[in-house]
């Protein structure tokens, strides 16, 4: 259903517009908001997007042209039309100034409205197909950059305010969590995917957190190490000592250490520590296990040593990390 906002102060306009048989299932257009002053209109469009804004011509003057220009966007009002008592040059000029597409005058003609709605619907369908194609292309590019460890951050900022950021992030997440099944052990997909509660800056921040963690857990390597790395990622709570893994994977102990560092640039013991700490972080946020239980579960018998490593890694103690993001430490 196409969402319509009425910006009207004239009670006659409001009564006559709402009485027209042009709303609902027959046309696919529905009135979702009504207001009569600019401040209220700006507040409504901060948190809602409308397919059509019908504005009273008399409410537009030189003092608020700029405000109307800011409203014309897919995130606020995709289309704007004016209505008034008569059509004159001044009204037409106002329409041109704010990018209005039509001007309706009293007595309002249902057929003219329906014709305009038909044009918008056809345009919307064509745009929808185009948007799907562009969204998919953005998602594919972001996924490619992610896997290549290329300029993910730069591309995310390119997508900001484009209207395609959320779709690109969500599409990439679906592909990542499908391909790398071990991700579920370190991240909750729902915590990263787009949501009406997240603004674009928050979406970018959360996705970059995933990218940073993914790069640490799955460093660049060739096929020879892939089985080893995936074994570690799927078994972060197992005995991951170098000797044990060498026997498990049938790899010479010293060769394992040498080849791992050469390919990833990370010492093998440091990598294992990283994996365990990221798993501990997930357990802290998603279970009610006690901190000492989590430490033991990831093979740290000394809780104090575990807490020290955790704070060095994440900048806070395990107990602080477990607190909700909204917690105010000054309370």
Protein backbone atom coordinates (compact mmCIF):
# COMPACT_ATOMS: atom_id res chain seq x y z
CA UNK A 1 0.00 0.00 0.00
CA UNK A 2 1.34 3.46 -0.94
CA UNK A 3 1.56 5.75 2.08
CA UNK A 4 0.16 9.28 1.77
CA UNK A 5 0.71 12.29 4.04
CA UNK A 6 -1.67 15.28 3.91
CA UNK A 7 -0.18 18.67 4.75
CA UNK A 8 -3.34 20.75 4.97
CA UNK A 9 -4.65 23.52 7.19
CA UNK A 10 -7.82 24.29 5.22
CA UNK A 11 -10.59 22.16 6.75
CA UNK A 12 -12.58 22.23 3.49
CA UNK A 13 -9.64 20.74 1.57
CA UNK A 14 -9.24 18.04 4.19
CA UNK A 15 -12.93 17.15 4.22
CA UNK A 16 -13.22 17.01 0.44
CA UNK A 17 -10.01 15.05 -0.07
CA UNK A 18 -10.78 12.41 2.55
CA UNK A 19 -14.32 12.04 1.15
CA UNK A 20 -13.06 11.10 -2.32
CA UNK A 21 -13.38 7.42 -3.28
CA UNK A 22 -9.70 7.14 -4.13
CA UNK A 23 -8.28 5.60 -0.97
CA UNK A 24 -7.73 1.97 -0.10
CA UNK A 25 -7.48 -1.28 -2.01
CA UNK A 26 -8.95 0.07 -5.25
CA UNK A 27 -6.05 2.45 -5.90
CA UNK A 28 -3.42 1.15 -3.45
CA UNK A 29 -3.03 4.59 -1.82
CA UNK A 30 -3.78 5.15 1.86
CA UNK A 31 -3.68 8.24 4.09
CA UNK A 32 -1.25 7.56 6.94
CA UNK A 33 -0.69 11.04 8.41
CA UNK A 34 -2.33 14.48 8.49
CA UNK A 35 -0.77 17.70 9.79
CA UNK A 36 -1.11 21.44 9.34
CA UNK A 37 2.25 22.97 10.29
CA UNK A 38 5.83 22.55 9.06
CA UNK A 39 7.34 21.60 12.40
CA UNK A 40 4.95 18.66 12.78
CA UNK A 41 5.52 17.64 9.16
CA UNK A 42 9.29 17.61 9.68
CA UNK A 43 8.91 15.53 12.84
CA UNK A 44 6.64 13.01 11.08
CA UNK A 45 9.04 12.59 8.15
CA UNK A 46 12.03 12.10 10.45
CA UNK A 47 10.80 8.62 11.35
CA UNK A 48 8.48 7.81 8.43
CA UNK A 49 8.78 7.76 4.66
CA UNK A 50 5.82 8.52 2.40
CA UNK A 51 5.19 7.68 -1.21
CA UNK A 52 3.15 10.85 -1.70
CA UNK A 53 2.82 14.20 0.07
CA UNK A 54 -0.26 16.27 -0.79
CA UNK A 55 0.39 19.84 0.34
CA UNK A 56 -1.83 22.91 0.47
CA UNK A 57 -0.41 25.60 -1.77
CA UNK A 58 -1.16 28.41 0.73
CA UNK A 59 1.12 26.77 3.30
CA UNK A 60 4.16 27.25 1.09
CA UNK A 61 6.02 30.55 1.04
CA UNK A 62 9.56 31.87 0.69
CA UNK A 63 10.32 31.09 4.32
CA UNK A 64 9.89 27.35 3.93
CA UNK A 65 10.90 26.56 0.33
CA UNK A 66 14.17 25.12 1.60
CA UNK A 67 12.33 22.90 4.10
CA UNK A 68 10.16 21.50 1.31
CA UNK A 69 13.19 20.83 -0.87
CA UNK A 70 14.68 18.77 1.97
CA UNK A 71 11.48 16.71 2.16
CA UNK A 72 11.69 15.55 -1.45
CA UNK A 73 13.55 12.23 -1.11
CA UNK A 74 12.73 8.49 -1.02
CA UNK A 75 13.27 8.57 2.75
CA UNK A 76 10.76 11.35 3.37
CA UNK A 77 8.39 12.07 0.46
CA UNK A 78 9.05 10.36 -2.85
CA UNK A 79 6.44 12.49 -4.68
CA UNK A 80 4.82 15.85 -3.90
CA UNK A 81 1.63 17.41 -5.33
CA UNK A 82 -0.13 20.66 -4.46
CA UNK A 83 -3.78 21.50 -4.06
CA UNK A 84 -5.51 24.87 -3.91
CA UNK A 85 -8.67 26.80 -4.65
CA UNK A 86 -7.54 28.04 -8.07
CA UNK A 87 -4.67 27.50 -10.47
CA UNK A 88 -2.61 30.64 -11.09
CA UNK A 89 0.95 31.61 -11.95
CA UNK A 90 2.01 31.98 -8.31
CA UNK A 91 0.76 28.49 -7.47
CA UNK A 92 2.54 27.04 -10.49
CA UNK A 93 5.74 28.81 -9.45
CA UNK A 94 5.49 27.32 -5.95
CA UNK A 95 5.07 23.90 -7.47
CA UNK A 96 8.16 24.27 -9.62
CA UNK A 97 10.19 25.55 -6.67
CA UNK A 98 9.56 22.48 -4.52
CA UNK A 99 9.50 19.90 -7.32
CA UNK A 100 5.75 19.22 -7.20
CA UNK A 101 4.48 16.97 -10.00
CA UNK A 102 0.79 17.92 -10.11
CA UNK A 103 -1.64 20.62 -8.99
CA UNK A 104 -5.24 19.80 -8.07
CA UNK A 105 -7.90 22.50 -7.63
CA UNK A 106 -11.43 22.59 -6.25
CA UNK A 107 -13.71 20.89 -6.98
CA UNK A 108 -11.42 17.87 -6.69
CA UNK A 109 -11.93 15.38 -9.52
CA UNK A 110 -11.63 11.71 -8.52
CA UNK A 111 -10.71 10.69 -12.07
CA UNK A 112 -7.74 13.08 -12.16
CA UNK A 113 -6.46 11.70 -8.87
CA UNK A 114 -6.89 8.11 -10.07
CA UNK A 115 -5.06 8.87 -13.32
CA UNK A 116 -2.18 10.35 -11.35
CA UNK A 117 -2.15 7.36 -8.97
CA UNK A 118 -1.96 5.02 -11.97
CA UNK A 119 1.08 6.88 -13.26
CA UNK A 120 2.76 6.69 -9.84
CA UNK A 121 1.99 2.98 -9.50
CA UNK A 122 3.48 2.21 -12.92
CA UNK A 123 6.54 4.29 -12.08
CA UNK A 124 6.84 2.58 -8.70
CA UNK A 125 6.75 -0.89 -10.26
CA UNK A 126 9.43 0.01 -12.78
CA UNK A 127 11.51 1.58 -10.03
CA UNK A 128 11.03 -1.48 -7.84
CA UNK A 129 12.53 -3.75 -10.49
CA UNK A 130 15.41 -1.31 -11.01
CA UNK A 131 16.01 -1.07 -7.26
CA UNK A 132 16.11 -4.86 -6.92
CA UNK A 133 18.73 -5.07 -9.65
CA UNK A 134 20.83 -2.31 -8.07
CA UNK A 135 20.45 -3.76 -4.56
CA UNK A 136 21.61 -7.15 -5.76
CA UNK A 137 24.58 -5.60 -7.54
CA UNK A 138 25.56 -3.67 -4.38
CA UNK A 139 25.20 -6.80 -2.27
CA UNK A 140 27.35 -8.83 -4.67
CA UNK A 141 30.06 -6.17 -4.71
CA UNK A 142 30.12 -5.87 -0.91
CA UNK A 143 30.30 -9.66 -0.55
CA UNK A 144 33.17 -9.79 -3.07
CA UNK A 145 35.11 -7.04 -1.28
CA UNK A 146 34.52 -8.78 2.05
CA UNK A 147 35.98 -12.07 0.85
CA UNK A 148 38.88 -10.34 -0.89
CA UNK A 149 39.63 -8.29 2.27
CA UNK A 150 39.47 -5.21 0.08
CA UNK A 151 38.06 -1.72 0.75
CA UNK A 152 34.92 -2.78 2.65
CA UNK A 153 34.85 0.35 4.79
CA UNK A 154 35.18 2.70 1.82
CA UNK A 155 32.40 0.95 -0.07
CA UNK A 156 30.06 1.04 2.92
CA UNK A 157 30.49 4.81 3.12
CA UNK A 158 29.81 5.04 -0.62
CA UNK A 159 26.51 3.25 -0.01
CA UNK A 160 25.56 5.52 2.90
CA UNK A 161 22.49 7.62 2.02
CA UNK A 162 22.16 5.78 -1.33
CA UNK A 163 19.14 3.80 -0.21
CA UNK A 164 20.98 0.52 -0.87
CA UNK A 165 23.08 0.17 2.28
CA UNK A 166 20.63 -1.97 4.27
CA UNK A 167 19.93 -4.32 1.35
CA UNK A 168 23.63 -4.70 0.57
CA UNK A 169 24.47 -5.48 4.20
CA UNK A 170 21.59 -7.94 4.62
CA UNK A 171 22.34 -9.69 1.33
CA UNK A 172 26.02 -10.03 2.22
CA UNK A 173 25.17 -11.36 5.68
CA UNK A 174 22.94 -14.06 4.20
CA UNK A 175 25.76 -15.20 1.92
CA UNK A 176 28.39 -15.10 4.67
CA UNK A 177 26.39 -17.00 7.29
CA UNK A 178 25.46 -19.58 4.65
CA UNK A 179 29.03 -20.11 3.43
CA UNK A 180 30.82 -19.87 6.79
CA UNK A 181 28.65 -21.91 9.15
CA UNK A 182 31.05 -21.38 12.05
CA UNK A 183 30.11 -17.66 12.15
CA UNK A 184 27.05 -18.55 14.24
CA UNK A 185 29.40 -19.53 17.05
CA UNK A 186 30.85 -16.01 17.26
CA UNK A 187 28.14 -13.68 15.94
CA UNK A 188 24.36 -13.43 15.91
CA UNK A 189 23.26 -12.49 12.41
CA UNK A 190 20.19 -10.67 13.77
CA UNK A 191 22.45 -8.30 15.74
CA UNK A 192 24.04 -7.04 12.51
CA UNK A 193 21.28 -7.08 9.90
CA UNK A 194 19.41 -3.86 9.18
CA UNK A 195 16.65 -2.85 11.55
CA UNK A 196 14.46 0.19 11.90
CA UNK A 197 16.16 0.85 15.24
CA UNK A 198 19.56 1.25 13.54
CA UNK A 199 20.55 4.36 11.66
CA UNK A 200 23.00 4.00 8.78
CA UNK A 201 26.02 4.90 10.93
CA UNK A 202 25.10 2.11 13.36
CA UNK A 203 24.61 -0.37 10.51
CA UNK A 204 28.08 0.46 9.16
CA UNK A 205 29.65 0.22 12.62
CA UNK A 206 28.11 -3.18 13.32
CA UNK A 207 29.08 -4.56 9.93
CA UNK A 208 32.67 -3.32 10.32
CA UNK A 209 32.82 -5.05 13.72
CA UNK A 210 31.89 -8.28 11.95
CA UNK A 211 34.48 -7.65 9.25
CA UNK A 212 37.23 -7.04 11.81
CA UNK A 213 36.33 -10.16 13.78
CA UNK A 214 36.00 -12.27 10.63
CA UNK A 215 39.47 -11.17 9.50
CA UNK A 216 40.94 -12.16 12.87
CA UNK A 217 39.17 -15.53 12.97
CA UNK A 218 39.66 -16.38 9.30
CA UNK A 219 42.96 -14.78 8.25
CA UNK A 220 44.03 -14.93 4.61
CA UNK A 221 45.53 -18.36 3.84
CA UNK A 222 45.76 -20.95 1.10
CA UNK A 223 43.91 -24.24 0.80
CA UNK A 224 46.58 -26.16 2.69
CA UNK A 225 45.57 -24.49 5.97
CA UNK A 226 41.84 -24.30 5.41
CA UNK A 227 40.96 -27.62 7.06
CA UNK A 228 43.02 -26.73 10.11
CA UNK A 229 41.51 -23.26 10.49
CA UNK A 230 37.95 -24.52 10.04
CA UNK A 231 38.58 -27.30 12.57
CA UNK A 232 39.69 -24.71 15.13
CA UNK A 233 36.72 -22.43 14.42
CA UNK A 234 34.20 -25.24 14.76
CA UNK A 235 35.86 -26.52 17.96
CA UNK A 236 36.93 -23.48 20.02
CA UNK A 237 36.18 -25.28 23.28
CA UNK A 238 38.32 -28.33 22.49
CA UNK A 239 41.93 -29.07 23.31
CA UNK A 240 43.66 -26.90 20.71
CA UNK A 241 47.24 -27.37 21.82
CA UNK A 242 49.68 -27.46 18.92
CA UNK A 243 50.74 -31.02 19.71
CA UNK A 244 47.16 -32.28 19.81
CA UNK A 245 46.18 -30.52 16.59
CA UNK A 246 49.30 -31.75 14.79
CA UNK A 247 48.33 -35.33 15.58
CA UNK A 248 44.66 -34.70 14.75
CA UNK A 249 45.46 -33.12 11.37
CA UNK A 250 48.47 -35.34 10.63
CA UNK A 251 50.81 -32.37 10.33
CA UNK A 252 54.34 -32.06 11.65
CA UNK A 253 54.25 -29.85 14.78
CA UNK A 254 57.12 -27.54 13.80
CA UNK A 255 55.90 -27.35 10.18
CA UNK A 256 52.43 -26.37 11.40
CA UNK A 257 53.79 -23.48 13.41
CA UNK A 258 56.13 -22.29 10.64
CA UNK A 259 53.66 -22.52 7.77
CA UNK A 260 50.82 -20.95 9.76
CA UNK A 261 52.86 -17.86 10.65
CA UNK A 262 54.25 -17.59 7.12
CA UNK A 263 50.79 -17.62 5.51
CA UNK A 264 48.76 -15.61 8.01
CA UNK A 265 51.33 -13.35 9.65
CA UNK A 266 50.03 -14.51 13.05
CA UNK A 267 51.71 -16.83 15.54
CA UNK A 268 49.69 -20.01 15.91
CA UNK A 269 49.40 -19.68 19.70
CA UNK A 270 48.13 -16.11 19.34
CA UNK A 271 45.55 -17.23 16.80
CA UNK A 272 44.21 -19.92 19.13
CA UNK A 273 43.99 -17.38 21.94
CA UNK A 274 42.01 -15.02 19.67
CA UNK A 275 39.55 -17.71 18.68
CA UNK A 276 38.94 -18.71 22.30
CA UNK A 277 38.45 -15.12 23.44
CA UNK A 278 35.95 -14.35 20.66
CA UNK A 279 34.06 -17.50 21.61
CA UNK A 280 34.11 -16.40 25.25
CA UNK A 281 32.69 -13.01 24.22
CA UNK A 282 29.78 -14.74 22.48
CA UNK A 283 29.11 -16.96 25.51
CA UNK A 284 29.11 -13.92 27.81
CA UNK A 285 26.45 -12.15 25.71
CA UNK A 286 24.31 -15.16 24.86
CA UNK A 287 24.34 -17.47 27.88
CA UNK A 288 23.95 -17.20 31.63
CA UNK A 289 27.08 -19.22 32.31
CA UNK A 290 29.30 -17.93 35.09
CA UNK A 291 32.59 -16.34 34.09
CA UNK A 292 34.65 -19.11 35.70
CA UNK A 293 32.57 -21.69 33.80
CA UNK A 294 33.23 -19.92 30.52
CA UNK A 295 36.95 -19.72 31.27
CA UNK A 296 37.11 -23.45 31.95
CA UNK A 297 35.04 -24.21 28.89
CA UNK A 298 37.58 -22.57 26.61
CA UNK A 299 40.51 -24.25 28.36
CA UNK A 300 41.56 -21.48 30.78
CA UNK A 301 41.82 -22.97 34.28
CA UNK A 302 43.14 -19.71 35.77
CA UNK A 303 40.16 -17.29 35.76
CA UNK A 304 42.33 -14.31 36.67
CA UNK A 305 44.61 -14.99 33.69
CA UNK A 306 41.57 -15.39 31.42
CA UNK A 307 40.15 -12.05 32.63
CA UNK A 308 43.50 -10.37 32.03
CA UNK A 309 43.67 -11.66 28.44
CA UNK A 310 40.03 -10.74 27.84
CA UNK A 311 40.51 -7.16 29.04
CA UNK A 312 43.63 -6.79 26.91
CA UNK A 313 41.65 -7.97 23.89
CA UNK A 314 38.34 -6.14 24.34
CA UNK A 315 39.25 -3.22 26.58
CA UNK A 316 36.97 -4.25 29.46
CA UNK A 317 36.59 -7.09 31.93
CA UNK A 318 34.32 -10.08 31.18
CA UNK A 319 31.75 -8.83 33.69
CA UNK A 320 31.67 -5.35 32.09
CA UNK A 321 31.42 -6.86 28.61
CA UNK A 322 28.35 -8.83 29.69
CA UNK A 323 26.41 -5.69 30.66
CA UNK A 324 23.82 -4.36 28.15
CA UNK A 325 25.12 -1.80 25.63
CA UNK A 326 22.76 0.80 27.12
CA UNK A 327 24.18 0.44 30.64
CA UNK A 328 25.43 3.72 32.10
CA UNK A 329 28.60 3.12 34.15
CA UNK A 330 28.16 6.50 35.88
CA UNK A 331 24.87 5.58 37.51
